[in-house]
C-alpha atoms as a PDB file:
ATOM      1  CA  MET A   1      73.937-137.830 -25.780  1.00  0.00           C
ATOM      2  CA  ALA A   2      72.751-136.785 -29.213  1.00  0.00           C
ATOM      3  CA  ASP A   3      72.209-139.605 -31.728  1.00  0.00           C
ATOM      4  CA  HIS A   4      75.151-138.989 -34.056  1.00  0.00           C
ATOM      5  CA  PHE A   5      77.803-138.279 -31.431  1.00  0.00           C
ATOM      6  CA  ILE A   6      79.277-139.978 -28.399  1.00  0.00           C
ATOM      7  CA  GLU A   7      81.114-137.972 -25.771  1.00  0.00           C
ATOM      8  CA  ILE A   8      84.536-139.454 -25.048  1.00  0.00           C
ATOM      9  CA  LYS A   9      87.131-138.803 -22.356  1.00  0.00           C
ATOM     10  CA  ILE A  10      90.766-137.974 -23.080  1.00  0.00           C
ATOM     11  CA  PRO A  11      93.563-137.600 -20.500  1.00  0.00           C
ATOM     12  CA  GLN A  12      94.166-133.867 -21.026  1.00  0.00           C
ATOM     13  CA  GLN A  13      90.592-132.740 -20.205  1.00  0.00           C
ATOM     14  CA  ARG A  14      89.889-130.833 -16.986  1.00  0.00           C
ATOM     15  CA  ASN A  15      86.700-130.873 -14.964  1.00  0.00           C
ATOM     16  CA  TYR A  16      85.139-127.656 -13.721  1.00  0.00           C
ATOM     17  CA  ASN A  17      81.992-127.441 -11.659  1.00  0.00           C
ATOM     18  CA  ASN A  18      79.452-125.205 -13.290  1.00  0.00           C
ATOM     19  CA  ILE A  19      76.038-124.293 -11.914  1.00  0.00           C
ATOM     20  CA  ASN A  20      74.415-127.670 -12.518  1.00  0.00           C
ATOM     21  CA  ASN A  21      77.172-130.253 -12.676  1.00  0.00           C
ATOM     22  CA  SER A  22      80.772-131.052 -13.388  1.00  0.00           C
ATOM     23  CA  CYS A  23      81.610-130.260 -16.999  1.00  0.00           C
ATOM     24  CA  PRO A  24      84.665-131.549 -18.893  1.00  0.00           C
ATOM     25  CA  PHE A  25      86.752-128.916 -20.686  1.00  0.00           C
ATOM     26  CA  PRO A  26      86.805-129.224 -23.597  1.00  0.00           C
ATOM     27  CA  SER A  27      83.963-131.536 -24.517  1.00  0.00           C
ATOM     28  CA  VAL A  28      85.215-134.224 -26.941  1.00  0.00           C
ATOM     29  CA  LEU A  29      82.843-135.818 -29.470  1.00  0.00           C
ATOM     30  CA  SER A  30      83.389-138.861 -31.682  1.00  0.00           C
ATOM     31  CA  PRO A  31      81.088-140.538 -34.210  1.00  0.00           C
ATOM     32  CA  ASN A  32      78.392-142.809 -32.820  1.00  0.00           C
ATOM     33  CA  PRO A  33      78.942-146.145 -34.621  1.00  0.00           C
ATOM     34  CA  ALA A  34      75.222-146.935 -34.287  1.00  0.00           C
ATOM     35  CA  THR A  35      74.190-144.064 -36.585  1.00  0.00           C
ATOM     36  CA  THR A  36      77.242-143.719 -38.847  1.00  0.00           C
ATOM     37  CA  ALA A  37      75.705-145.986 -41.508  1.00  0.00           C
ATOM     38  CA  THR A  38      72.747-143.620 -41.989  1.00  0.00           C
ATOM     39  CA  VAL A  39      74.559-140.267 -41.611  1.00  0.00           C
ATOM     40  CA  SER A  40      78.264-140.627 -42.280  1.00  0.00           C
ATOM     41  CA  ARG A  41      79.554-137.078 -42.896  1.00  0.00           C
ATOM     42  CA  LEU A  42      80.351-134.743 -39.994  1.00  0.00           C
ATOM     43  CA  ALA A  43      78.771-131.792 -41.855  1.00  0.00           C
ATOM     44  CA  GLU A  44      75.464-133.694 -42.080  1.00  0.00           C
ATOM     45  CA  LYS A  45      75.622-134.714 -38.418  1.00  0.00           C
ATOM     46  CA  VAL A  46      76.176-131.053 -37.465  1.00  0.00           C
ATOM     47  CA  ARG A  47      73.188-129.895 -39.517  1.00  0.00           C
ATOM     48  CA  THR A  48      70.863-132.432 -37.890  1.00  0.00           C
ATOM     49  CA  GLN A  49      72.077-131.821 -34.309  1.00  0.00           C
ATOM     50  CA  LYS A  50      72.755-128.083 -34.244  1.00  0.00           C
ATOM     51  CA  PRO A  51      70.675-127.273 -31.082  1.00  0.00           C
ATOM     52  CA  PHE A  52      72.491-130.021 -29.135  1.00  0.00           C
ATOM     53  CA  LEU A  53      75.897-128.702 -30.280  1.00  0.00           C
ATOM     54  CA  ASP A  54      74.985-125.097 -29.439  1.00  0.00           C
ATOM     55  CA  SER A  55      73.920-126.058 -25.906  1.00  0.00           C
ATOM     56  CA  LEU A  56      77.069-128.167 -25.440  1.00  0.00           C
ATOM     57  CA  LEU A  57      79.274-125.244 -26.554  1.00  0.00           C
ATOM     58  CA  LEU A  58      77.460-122.925 -24.139  1.00  0.00           C
ATOM     59  CA  LYS A  59      78.126-125.356 -21.299  1.00  0.00           C
ATOM     60  CA  ALA A  60      81.703-126.430 -22.140  1.00  0.00           C
ATOM     61  CA  GLY A  61      83.128-123.370 -23.953  1.00  0.00           C
ATOM     62  CA  SER A  62      84.953-125.578 -26.479  1.00  0.00           C
ATOM     63  CA  VAL A  63      84.173-128.778 -28.389  1.00  0.00           C
ATOM     64  CA  LEU A  64      86.729-131.074 -30.062  1.00  0.00           C
ATOM     65  CA  PHE A  65      85.452-133.326 -32.860  1.00  0.00           C
ATOM     66  CA  ARG A  66      87.802-136.311 -33.145  1.00  0.00           C
ATOM     67  CA  GLY A  67      87.719-139.462 -35.269  1.00  0.00           C
ATOM     68  CA  PHE A  68      85.566-138.194 -38.155  1.00  0.00           C
ATOM     69  CA  ASP A  69      87.274-139.821 -41.134  1.00  0.00           C
ATOM     70  CA  ASP A  70      85.452-137.742 -43.758  1.00  0.00           C
ATOM     71  CA  VAL A  71      87.248-134.500 -42.767  1.00  0.00           C
ATOM     72  CA  LYS A  72      90.683-134.659 -44.388  1.00  0.00           C
ATOM     73  CA  THR A  73      90.954-131.546 -46.592  1.00  0.00           C
ATOM     74  CA  ALA A  74      90.421-127.790 -46.375  1.00  0.00           C
ATOM     75  CA  LYS A  75      87.309-128.152 -48.563  1.00  0.00           C
ATOM     76  CA  GLU A  76      85.800-130.781 -46.236  1.00  0.00           C
ATOM     77  CA  PHE A  77      86.617-128.590 -43.221  1.00  0.00           C
ATOM     78  CA  ASN A  78      84.921-125.659 -44.983  1.00  0.00           C
ATOM     79  CA  ASP A  79      81.793-127.852 -45.409  1.00  0.00           C
ATOM     80  CA  VAL A  80      81.750-128.498 -41.635  1.00  0.00           C
ATOM     81  CA  VAL A  81      82.088-124.772 -40.840  1.00  0.00           C
ATOM     82  CA  GLU A  82      79.256-123.926 -43.270  1.00  0.00           C
ATOM     83  CA  ALA A  83      77.049-126.643 -41.720  1.00  0.00           C
ATOM     84  CA  PHE A  84      77.020-124.738 -38.414  1.00  0.00           C
ATOM     85  CA  GLY A  85      75.384-121.771 -40.163  1.00  0.00           C
ATOM     86  CA  TYR A  86      77.348-119.062 -38.320  1.00  0.00           C
ATOM     87  CA  GLU A  87      77.995-115.865 -40.271  1.00  0.00           C
ATOM     88  CA  GLU A  88      81.555-115.341 -41.527  1.00  0.00           C
ATOM     89  CA  LEU A  89      83.718-112.592 -40.011  1.00  0.00           C
ATOM     90  CA  PRO A  90      86.162-110.883 -42.404  1.00  0.00           C
ATOM     91  CA  TYR A  91      89.678-110.788 -40.904  1.00  0.00           C
ATOM     92  CA  VAL A  92      90.068-106.993 -40.709  1.00  0.00           C
ATOM     93  CA  GLY A  93      92.314-105.542 -37.994  1.00  0.00           C
ATOM     94  CA  GLY A  94      93.909-108.804 -36.838  1.00  0.00           C
ATOM     95  CA  ALA A  95      97.684-109.119 -36.446  1.00  0.00           C
ATOM     96  CA  ALA A  96      98.504-112.616 -37.707  1.00  0.00           C
ATOM     97  CA  PRO A  97      99.836-113.359 -41.193  1.00  0.00           C
ATOM     98  CA  ARG A  98      97.250-115.676 -42.854  1.00  0.00           C
ATOM     99  CA  THR A  99      96.402-116.989 -46.314  1.00  0.00           C
ATOM    100  CA  ASN A 100      92.905-117.766 -47.618  1.00  0.00           C
ATOM    101  CA  ILE A 101      92.783-121.433 -48.708  1.00  0.00           C
ATOM    102  CA  VAL A 102      89.201-122.119 -49.763  1.00  0.00           C
ATOM    103  CA  GLY A 103      85.822-120.550 -48.940  1.00  0.00           C
ATOM    104  CA  ARG A 104      85.878-119.411 -45.320  1.00  0.00           C
ATOM    105  CA  VAL A 105      89.089-121.271 -44.465  1.00  0.00           C
ATOM    106  CA  PHE A 106      92.460-119.617 -43.785  1.00  0.00           C
ATOM    107  CA  THR A 107      95.807-120.799 -42.530  1.00  0.00           C
ATOM    108  CA  ALA A 108      96.201-120.264 -38.793  1.00  0.00           C
ATOM    109  CA  ASN A 109      99.022-117.868 -37.822  1.00  0.00           C
ATOM    110  CA  GLU A 110     101.924-118.540 -40.240  1.00  0.00           C
ATOM    111  CA  SER A 111     104.719-117.351 -37.937  1.00  0.00           C
ATOM    112  CA  PRO A 112     107.841-119.573 -37.661  1.00  0.00           C
ATOM    113  CA  PRO A 113     107.586-122.913 -35.815  1.00  0.00           C
ATOM    114  CA  ASP A 114     110.078-121.990 -33.086  1.00  0.00           C
ATOM    115  CA  GLN A 115     107.861-119.112 -31.927  1.00  0.00           C
ATOM    116  CA  LYS A 116     105.129-119.519 -29.322  1.00  0.00           C
ATOM    117  CA  ILE A 117     101.932-117.508 -29.685  1.00  0.00           C
ATOM    118  CA  PRO A 118     100.763-116.357 -26.231  1.00  0.00           C
ATOM    119  CA  PHE A 119      97.218-116.707 -24.852  1.00  0.00           C
ATOM    120  CA  HIS A 120      94.645-114.335 -26.307  1.00  0.00           C
ATOM    121  CA  HIS A 121      91.002-113.980 -27.170  1.00  0.00           C
ATOM    122  CA  GLU A 122      90.880-113.727 -30.958  1.00  0.00           C
ATOM    123  CA  MET A 123      90.995-110.060 -32.031  1.00  0.00           C
ATOM    124  CA  ALA A 124      90.322-108.815 -28.474  1.00  0.00           C
ATOM    125  CA  GLN A 125      92.249-105.676 -29.400  1.00  0.00           C
ATOM    126  CA  VAL A 126      89.571-104.520 -31.897  1.00  0.00           C
ATOM    127  CA  PRO A 127      85.842-103.858 -31.358  1.00  0.00           C
ATOM    128  CA  GLU A 128      84.659-106.350 -34.015  1.00  0.00           C
ATOM    129  CA  PHE A 129      85.891-109.774 -32.968  1.00  0.00           C
ATOM    130  CA  PRO A 130      84.632-113.272 -33.805  1.00  0.00           C
ATOM    131  CA  SER A 131      82.257-115.016 -31.416  1.00  0.00           C
ATOM    132  CA  LYS A 132      83.316-118.481 -32.617  1.00  0.00           C
ATOM    133  CA  LEU A 133      86.564-119.931 -34.007  1.00  0.00           C
ATOM    134  CA  PHE A 134      87.207-123.216 -35.743  1.00  0.00           C
ATOM    135  CA  PHE A 135      90.610-124.902 -36.031  1.00  0.00           C
ATOM    136  CA  PHE A 136      91.313-127.966 -38.165  1.00  0.00           C
ATOM    137  CA  CYS A 137      94.364-130.229 -38.177  1.00  0.00           C
ATOM    138  CA  GLU A 138      95.197-131.019 -41.807  1.00  0.00           C
ATOM    139  CA  VAL A 139      98.771-132.175 -41.056  1.00  0.00           C
ATOM    140  CA  GLU A 140      99.572-133.155 -37.492  1.00  0.00           C
ATOM    141  CA  PRO A 141     102.782-131.713 -35.993  1.00  0.00           C
ATOM    142  CA  GLY A 142     106.077-133.627 -35.934  1.00  0.00           C
ATOM    143  CA  SER A 143     106.082-132.752 -32.217  1.00  0.00           C
ATOM    144  CA  GLY A 144     104.656-129.935 -30.056  1.00  0.00           C
ATOM    145  CA  GLY A 145     102.414-127.434 -31.798  1.00  0.00           C
ATOM    146  CA  GLU A 146      99.407-127.840 -29.505  1.00  0.00           C
ATOM    147  CA  THR A 147      96.782-125.075 -29.347  1.00  0.00           C
ATOM    148  CA  PRO A 148      96.345-124.714 -25.551  1.00  0.00           C
ATOM    149  CA  ILE A 149      92.968-123.379 -24.389  1.00  0.00           C
ATOM    150  CA  VAL A 150      91.872-121.853 -21.083  1.00  0.00           C
ATOM    151  CA  LEU A 151      88.529-120.723 -19.630  1.00  0.00           C
ATOM    152  CA  SER A 152      88.476-116.944 -19.422  1.00  0.00           C
ATOM    153  CA  HIS A 153      86.245-116.579 -16.344  1.00  0.00           C
ATOM    154  CA  ILE A 154      88.627-118.807 -14.332  1.00  0.00           C
ATOM    155  CA  VAL A 155      91.534-116.491 -15.234  1.00  0.00           C
ATOM    156  CA  TYR A 156      89.440-113.450 -14.224  1.00  0.00           C
ATOM    157  CA  GLU A 157      88.500-115.034 -10.883  1.00  0.00           C
ATOM    158  CA  ARG A 158      92.099-115.974 -10.054  1.00  0.00           C
ATOM    159  CA  MET A 159      93.481-112.550 -11.046  1.00  0.00           C
ATOM    160  CA  LYS A 160      90.738-110.736  -9.116  1.00  0.00           C
ATOM    161  CA  HIS A 161      91.485-112.821  -6.025  1.00  0.00           C
ATOM    162  CA  LYS A 162      95.262-112.344  -6.218  1.00  0.00           C
ATOM    163  CA  TYR A 163      95.512-108.779  -7.600  1.00  0.00           C
ATOM    164  CA  PRO A 164      92.252-106.953  -6.749  1.00  0.00           C
ATOM    165  CA  ASP A 165      93.737-103.438  -7.159  1.00  0.00           C
ATOM    166  CA  PHE A 166      95.267-104.233 -10.532  1.00  0.00           C
ATOM    167  CA  VAL A 167      91.995-105.756 -11.808  1.00  0.00           C
ATOM    168  CA  GLU A 168      90.064-102.735 -10.516  1.00  0.00           C
ATOM    169  CA  GLN A 169      92.372-100.449 -12.517  1.00  0.00           C
ATOM    170  CA  LEU A 170      91.866-102.617 -15.609  1.00  0.00           C
ATOM    171  CA  GLU A 171      88.089-102.449 -15.169  1.00  0.00           C
ATOM    172  CA  GLN A 172      88.260 -98.693 -14.695  1.00  0.00           C
ATOM    173  CA  HIS A 173      90.722 -97.702 -17.440  1.00  0.00           C
ATOM    174  CA  GLY A 174      90.813-100.546 -19.964  1.00  0.00           C
ATOM    175  CA  LEU A 175      93.876-100.958 -22.194  1.00  0.00           C
ATOM    176  CA  ILE A 176      95.572 -99.190 -25.103  1.00  0.00           C
ATOM    177  CA  TYR A 177      97.285-101.361 -27.730  1.00  0.00           C
ATOM    178  CA  THR A 178      99.998 -99.914 -29.982  1.00  0.00           C
ATOM    179  CA  ARG A 179     101.475-101.804 -32.925  1.00  0.00           C
ATOM    180  CA  VAL A 180     103.747-100.727 -35.785  1.00  0.00           C
ATOM    181  CA  LEU A 181     102.899-102.363 -39.127  1.00  0.00           C
ATOM    182  CA  GLY A 182     105.142-102.591 -42.170  1.00  0.00           C
ATOM    183  CA  GLU A 183     103.747-102.031 -45.620  1.00  0.00           C
ATOM    184  CA  LYS A 184     103.941-105.726 -46.577  1.00  0.00           C
ATOM    185  CA  ASP A 185     103.485-108.935 -44.578  1.00  0.00           C
ATOM    186  CA  ASP A 186     106.513-110.177 -42.646  1.00  0.00           C
ATOM    187  CA  PRO A 187     106.146-113.969 -42.289  1.00  0.00           C
ATOM    188  CA  SER A 188     109.070-114.098 -39.825  1.00  0.00           C
ATOM    189  CA  SER A 189     106.937-112.286 -37.194  1.00  0.00           C
ATOM    190  CA  PRO A 190     103.885-113.593 -35.273  1.00  0.00           C
ATOM    191  CA  ILE A 191     102.384-110.078 -35.627  1.00  0.00           C
ATOM    192  CA  GLY A 192     103.832-109.540 -39.097  1.00  0.00           C
ATOM    193  CA  ARG A 193     100.681-108.652 -40.989  1.00  0.00           C
ATOM    194  CA  GLY A 194     101.402-105.493 -43.031  1.00  0.00           C
ATOM    195  CA  TRP A 195      98.912-102.629 -43.179  1.00  0.00           C
ATOM    196  CA  LYS A 196      97.818-103.456 -46.740  1.00  0.00           C
ATOM    197  CA  SER A 197      96.553-106.902 -45.755  1.00  0.00           C
ATOM    198  CA  THR A 198      95.388-105.746 -42.294  1.00  0.00           C
ATOM    199  CA  PHE A 199      93.007-103.237 -43.904  1.00  0.00           C
ATOM    200  CA  LEU A 200      92.558-105.158 -47.188  1.00  0.00           C
ATOM    201  CA  THR A 201      93.593-102.189 -49.361  1.00  0.00           C
ATOM    202  CA  GLU A 202      96.608-100.545 -51.048  1.00  0.00           C
ATOM    203  CA  ASP A 203      95.125 -97.074 -50.484  1.00  0.00           C
ATOM    204  CA  LYS A 204      96.137 -95.140 -47.353  1.00  0.00           C
ATOM    205  CA  SER A 205      92.906 -93.132 -47.221  1.00  0.00           C
ATOM    206  CA  ILE A 206      90.786 -96.321 -47.364  1.00  0.00           C
ATOM    207  CA  ALA A 207      93.032 -97.818 -44.653  1.00  0.00           C
ATOM    208  CA  GLU A 208      92.347 -94.718 -42.523  1.00  0.00           C
ATOM    209  CA  GLU A 209      88.568 -95.074 -43.046  1.00  0.00           C
ATOM    210  CA  ARG A 210      88.645 -98.746 -42.076  1.00  0.00           C
ATOM    211  CA  ALA A 211      90.847 -98.028 -39.060  1.00  0.00           C
ATOM    212  CA  ALA A 212      88.483 -95.242 -37.940  1.00  0.00           C
ATOM    213  CA  ARG A 213      85.563 -97.674 -38.154  1.00  0.00           C
ATOM    214  CA  LEU A 214      87.460 -99.916 -35.707  1.00  0.00           C
ATOM    215  CA  GLY A 215      88.159 -96.916 -33.457  1.00  0.00           C
ATOM    216  CA  MET A 216      91.855 -97.129 -34.359  1.00  0.00           C
ATOM    217  CA  LYS A 217      94.183 -94.163 -34.906  1.00  0.00           C
ATOM    218  CA  LEU A 218      96.918 -94.348 -37.559  1.00  0.00           C
ATOM    219  CA  GLU A 219     100.226 -92.463 -37.636  1.00  0.00           C
ATOM    220  CA  TRP A 220     102.059 -92.901 -40.968  1.00  0.00           C
ATOM    221  CA  MET A 221     105.814 -93.376 -40.892  1.00  0.00           C
ATOM    222  CA  GLU A 222     108.487 -92.333 -43.367  1.00  0.00           C
ATOM    223  CA  ASP A 223     109.396 -95.917 -44.312  1.00  0.00           C
ATOM    224  CA  GLY A 224     105.853 -96.614 -45.578  1.00  0.00           C
ATOM    225  CA  GLY A 225     104.810 -98.336 -42.350  1.00  0.00           C
ATOM    226  CA  VAL A 226     102.197 -97.142 -39.883  1.00  0.00           C
ATOM    227  CA  LYS A 227     101.752 -96.985 -36.100  1.00  0.00           C
ATOM    228  CA  THR A 228      98.269 -98.155 -35.011  1.00  0.00           C
ATOM    229  CA  ILE A 229      96.817 -97.025 -31.680  1.00  0.00           C
ATOM    230  CA  MET A 230      93.746 -98.832 -30.413  1.00  0.00           C
ATOM    231  CA  GLY A 231      91.832 -97.858 -27.321  1.00  0.00           C
ATOM    232  CA  PRO A 232      91.273 -97.373 -24.560  1.00  0.00           C
ATOM    233  CA  ILE A 233      89.089-100.477 -24.874  1.00  0.00           C
ATOM    234  CA  PRO A 234      87.733-102.732 -22.109  1.00  0.00           C
ATOM    235  CA  ALA A 235      90.017-105.449 -20.724  1.00  0.00           C
ATOM    236  CA  ILE A 236      87.236-107.202 -18.792  1.00  0.00           C
ATOM    237  CA  LYS A 237      83.918-107.997 -20.457  1.00  0.00           C
ATOM    238  CA  TYR A 238      80.661-109.476 -19.233  1.00  0.00           C
ATOM    239  CA  ASP A 239      79.557-112.677 -20.971  1.00  0.00           C
ATOM    240  CA  GLU A 240      75.770-112.205 -21.079  1.00  0.00           C
ATOM    241  CA  SER A 241      75.028-115.767 -22.205  1.00  0.00           C
ATOM    242  CA  ARG A 242      76.814-117.277 -19.183  1.00  0.00           C
ATOM    243  CA  GLN A 243      76.301-114.377 -16.738  1.00  0.00           C
ATOM    244  CA  ARG A 244      79.944-113.968 -15.739  1.00  0.00           C
ATOM    245  CA  LYS A 245      82.935-111.661 -16.148  1.00  0.00           C
ATOM    246  CA  ILE A 246      85.725-112.718 -18.497  1.00  0.00           C
ATOM    247  CA  TRP A 247      89.406-111.859 -18.972  1.00  0.00           C
ATOM    248  CA  PHE A 248      88.759-110.537 -22.485  1.00  0.00           C
ATOM    249  CA  ASN A 249      92.019-108.937 -23.567  1.00  0.00           C
ATOM    250  CA  SER A 250      95.330-109.446 -25.354  1.00  0.00           C
ATOM    251  CA  MET A 251      97.381-108.012 -22.480  1.00  0.00           C
ATOM    252  CA  VAL A 252      99.723-110.972 -21.952  1.00  0.00           C
ATOM    253  CA  ALA A 253      99.975-111.664 -25.696  1.00  0.00           C
ATOM    254  CA  ALA A 254     100.941-108.056 -26.480  1.00  0.00           C
ATOM    255  CA  TYR A 255     103.240-107.589 -23.469  1.00  0.00           C
ATOM    256  CA  THR A 256     105.149-110.838 -23.958  1.00  0.00           C
ATOM    257  CA  GLY A 257     104.716-111.598 -27.657  1.00  0.00           C
ATOM    258  CA  TRP A 258     104.305-108.500 -29.830  1.00  0.00           C
ATOM    259  CA  LYS A 259     107.999-108.458 -30.562  1.00  0.00           C
ATOM    260  CA  ASP A 260     109.716-108.014 -33.911  1.00  0.00           C
ATOM    261  CA  ASP A 261     112.009-105.542 -35.701  1.00  0.00           C
ATOM    262  CA  ARG A 262     109.336-102.830 -35.476  1.00  0.00           C
ATOM    263  CA  ASN A 263     107.749-103.493 -32.073  1.00  0.00           C
ATOM    264  CA  ASP A 264     108.835-103.423 -28.424  1.00  0.00           C
ATOM    265  CA  PRO A 265     106.293-105.547 -26.504  1.00  0.00           C
ATOM    266  CA  VAL A 266     106.516-103.496 -23.284  1.00  0.00           C
ATOM    267  CA  LYS A 267     105.251-100.453 -25.210  1.00  0.00           C
ATOM    268  CA  ALA A 268     102.638-102.484 -27.087  1.00  0.00           C
ATOM    269  CA  VAL A 269     100.064-102.362 -24.278  1.00  0.00           C
ATOM    270  CA  THR A 270      99.434 -99.910 -21.419  1.00  0.00           C
ATOM    271  CA  PHE A 271      96.581 -98.992 -19.083  1.00  0.00           C
ATOM    272  CA  GLY A 272      93.930 -96.914 -20.824  1.00  0.00           C
ATOM    273  CA  ASN A 273      95.254 -93.798 -19.042  1.00  0.00           C
ATOM    274  CA  GLY A 274      98.685 -94.381 -20.644  1.00  0.00           C
ATOM    275  CA  LYS A 275     100.404 -95.668 -17.503  1.00  0.00           C
ATOM    276  CA  PRO A 276     102.680 -98.712 -17.918  1.00  0.00           C
ATOM    277  CA  LEU A 277     101.552-102.136 -16.732  1.00  0.00           C
ATOM    278  CA  PRO A 278     103.421-103.763 -13.807  1.00  0.00           C
ATOM    279  CA  ALA A 279     105.709-106.372 -15.407  1.00  0.00           C
ATOM    280  CA  ASP A 280     105.566-108.781 -12.449  1.00  0.00           C
ATOM    281  CA  ILE A 281     101.752-108.977 -12.528  1.00  0.00           C
ATOM    282  CA  VAL A 282     101.627-109.460 -16.308  1.00  0.00           C
ATOM    283  CA  HIS A 283     104.142-112.312 -16.059  1.00  0.00           C
ATOM    284  CA  ASP A 284     102.234-113.888 -13.177  1.00  0.00           C
ATOM    285  CA  CYS A 285      99.063-113.700 -15.273  1.00  0.00           C
ATOM    286  CA  LEU A 286     100.947-115.719 -17.896  1.00  0.00           C
ATOM    287  CA  ASN A 287     101.705-118.331 -15.185  1.00  0.00           C
ATOM    288  CA  ILE A 288      98.013-118.490 -14.237  1.00  0.00           C
ATOM    289  CA  LEU A 289      97.021-118.932 -17.894  1.00  0.00           C
ATOM    290  CA  GLU A 290      99.507-121.796 -18.237  1.00  0.00           C
ATOM    291  CA  GLU A 291      98.384-123.446 -14.971  1.00  0.00           C
ATOM    292  CA  GLU A 292      94.706-123.443 -15.957  1.00  0.00           C
ATOM    293  CA  SER A 293      95.212-124.401 -19.604  1.00  0.00           C
ATOM    294  CA  VAL A 294      94.528-127.640 -21.440  1.00  0.00           C
ATOM    295  CA  ALA A 295      96.850-128.652 -24.295  1.00  0.00           C
ATOM    296  CA  ILE A 296      95.640-131.561 -26.420  1.00  0.00           C
ATOM    297  CA  PRO A 297      98.080-132.953 -29.009  1.00  0.00           C
ATOM    298  CA  TRP A 298      96.605-132.520 -32.494  1.00  0.00           C
ATOM    299  CA  GLN A 299      95.528-135.550 -34.507  1.00  0.00           C
ATOM    300  CA  LYS A 300      94.921-135.383 -38.241  1.00  0.00           C
ATOM    301  CA  GLY A 301      91.254-134.576 -38.932  1.00  0.00           C
ATOM    302  CA  ASP A 302      90.596-132.924 -35.532  1.00  0.00           C
ATOM    303  CA  VAL A 303      88.142-130.018 -35.637  1.00  0.00           C
ATOM    304  CA  LEU A 304      88.217-127.732 -32.581  1.00  0.00           C
ATOM    305  CA  LEU A 305      85.332-125.300 -32.047  1.00  0.00           C
ATOM    306  CA  ILE A 306      86.021-122.493 -29.579  1.00  0.00           C
ATOM    307  CA  ASP A 307      83.574-119.970 -28.151  1.00  0.00           C
ATOM    308  CA  ASN A 308      85.684-116.801 -28.225  1.00  0.00           C
ATOM    309  CA  TRP A 309      83.531-115.329 -25.413  1.00  0.00           C
ATOM    310  CA  ALA A 310      84.525-118.158 -23.071  1.00  0.00           C
ATOM    311  CA  VAL A 311      88.017-119.318 -24.026  1.00  0.00           C
ATOM    312  CA  LEU A 312      91.504-117.912 -24.717  1.00  0.00           C
ATOM    313  CA  HIS A 313      93.874-119.877 -26.950  1.00  0.00           C
ATOM    314  CA  ALA A 314      97.603-119.988 -27.696  1.00  0.00           C
ATOM    315  CA  ARG A 315     100.081-121.948 -29.835  1.00  0.00           C
ATOM    316  CA  ARG A 316     103.102-123.894 -28.663  1.00  0.00           C
ATOM    317  CA  SER A 317     106.286-124.094 -30.711  1.00  0.00           C
ATOM    318  CA  PHE A 318     106.643-127.207 -32.850  1.00  0.00           C
ATOM    319  CA  ASN A 319     108.787-129.319 -35.130  1.00  0.00           C
ATOM    320  CA  PRO A 320     107.378-129.359 -38.675  1.00  0.00           C
ATOM    321  CA  PRO A 321     105.412-130.496 -40.442  1.00  0.00           C
ATOM    322  CA  ARG A 322     102.224-128.918 -39.063  1.00  0.00           C
ATOM    323  CA  ARG A 323      99.285-127.413 -40.887  1.00  0.00           C
ATOM    324  CA  ILE A 324      96.372-126.055 -38.878  1.00  0.00           C
ATOM    325  CA  LEU A 325      93.596-124.214 -40.704  1.00  0.00           C
ATOM    326  CA  ALA A 326      91.144-121.766 -39.164  1.00  0.00           C
ATOM    327  CA  SER A 327      87.813-120.064 -39.745  1.00  0.00           C
ATOM    328  CA  LEU A 328      86.335-117.076 -37.879  1.00  0.00           C
ATOM    329  CA  CYS A 329      82.613-116.490 -37.340  1.00  0.00           C
ATOM    330  CA  LYS A 330      80.676-113.404 -36.260  1.00  0.00           C
END
């Protein structure tokens, strides 16, 4: 174990056998009391042990930092994110309503507490997605509100085994995502980001340019909103760093969760050839995601690092208060 960290076990972890050995998911790190006197801040520990942390993330897919008393505020969380040295990814094309807090730190999805957010790879519905995500618990939930995580290659393997024809069609055709955006943000919806904040502009022609760069088509509507059509884009990707196929899509999230006054989730995602998805298989995929997932109750000060190439995440409904902050990296 690296000098500044000790790996701890918590009840919610799962063990998966990888090529060399059994690996807990996620990996959970706490401060090593023996070295805390010399290097006390998590940001400093990260800077001095970056190669160890990178190799751990490659192996585990997700790392939870727990028990680091110096990370209490958005600013301190921002310092930890910066210490990793990953490049920032601007949040262009994503669906969630978010607010910038400080530096590279945003609120996580601001949709109402009674709403679940289904499993997804962050921004899987656009070509430029983050490779790493950080979440930070500033205020722990009254109850619920976990951010369940699941290993993507396990979902792919189970779906391929159970529904080989369906997965073959996904690999062949990919998916098309369709979403109707209002002009302004709608905080009552989990996909309520308006087009002005989605494309970071008030100007329709600039929005069209930015959409085109993402490979997205726009159809303007009379009420000032816009229909966005994305795809066909791949639903299964190959993770080069781990040499395995992954379930890299927002199929279940779109089909079960892209619902508000403007959007019908069943129309939100189709095969890349325009054919509808079989409802029973999509709902069974949701069951598989739930079965394989790990949901760790948040504690104040927790920092969760997720490799977006390896892991899908979700959000359970909760009783307030709860404040989780996020940062996306290229």
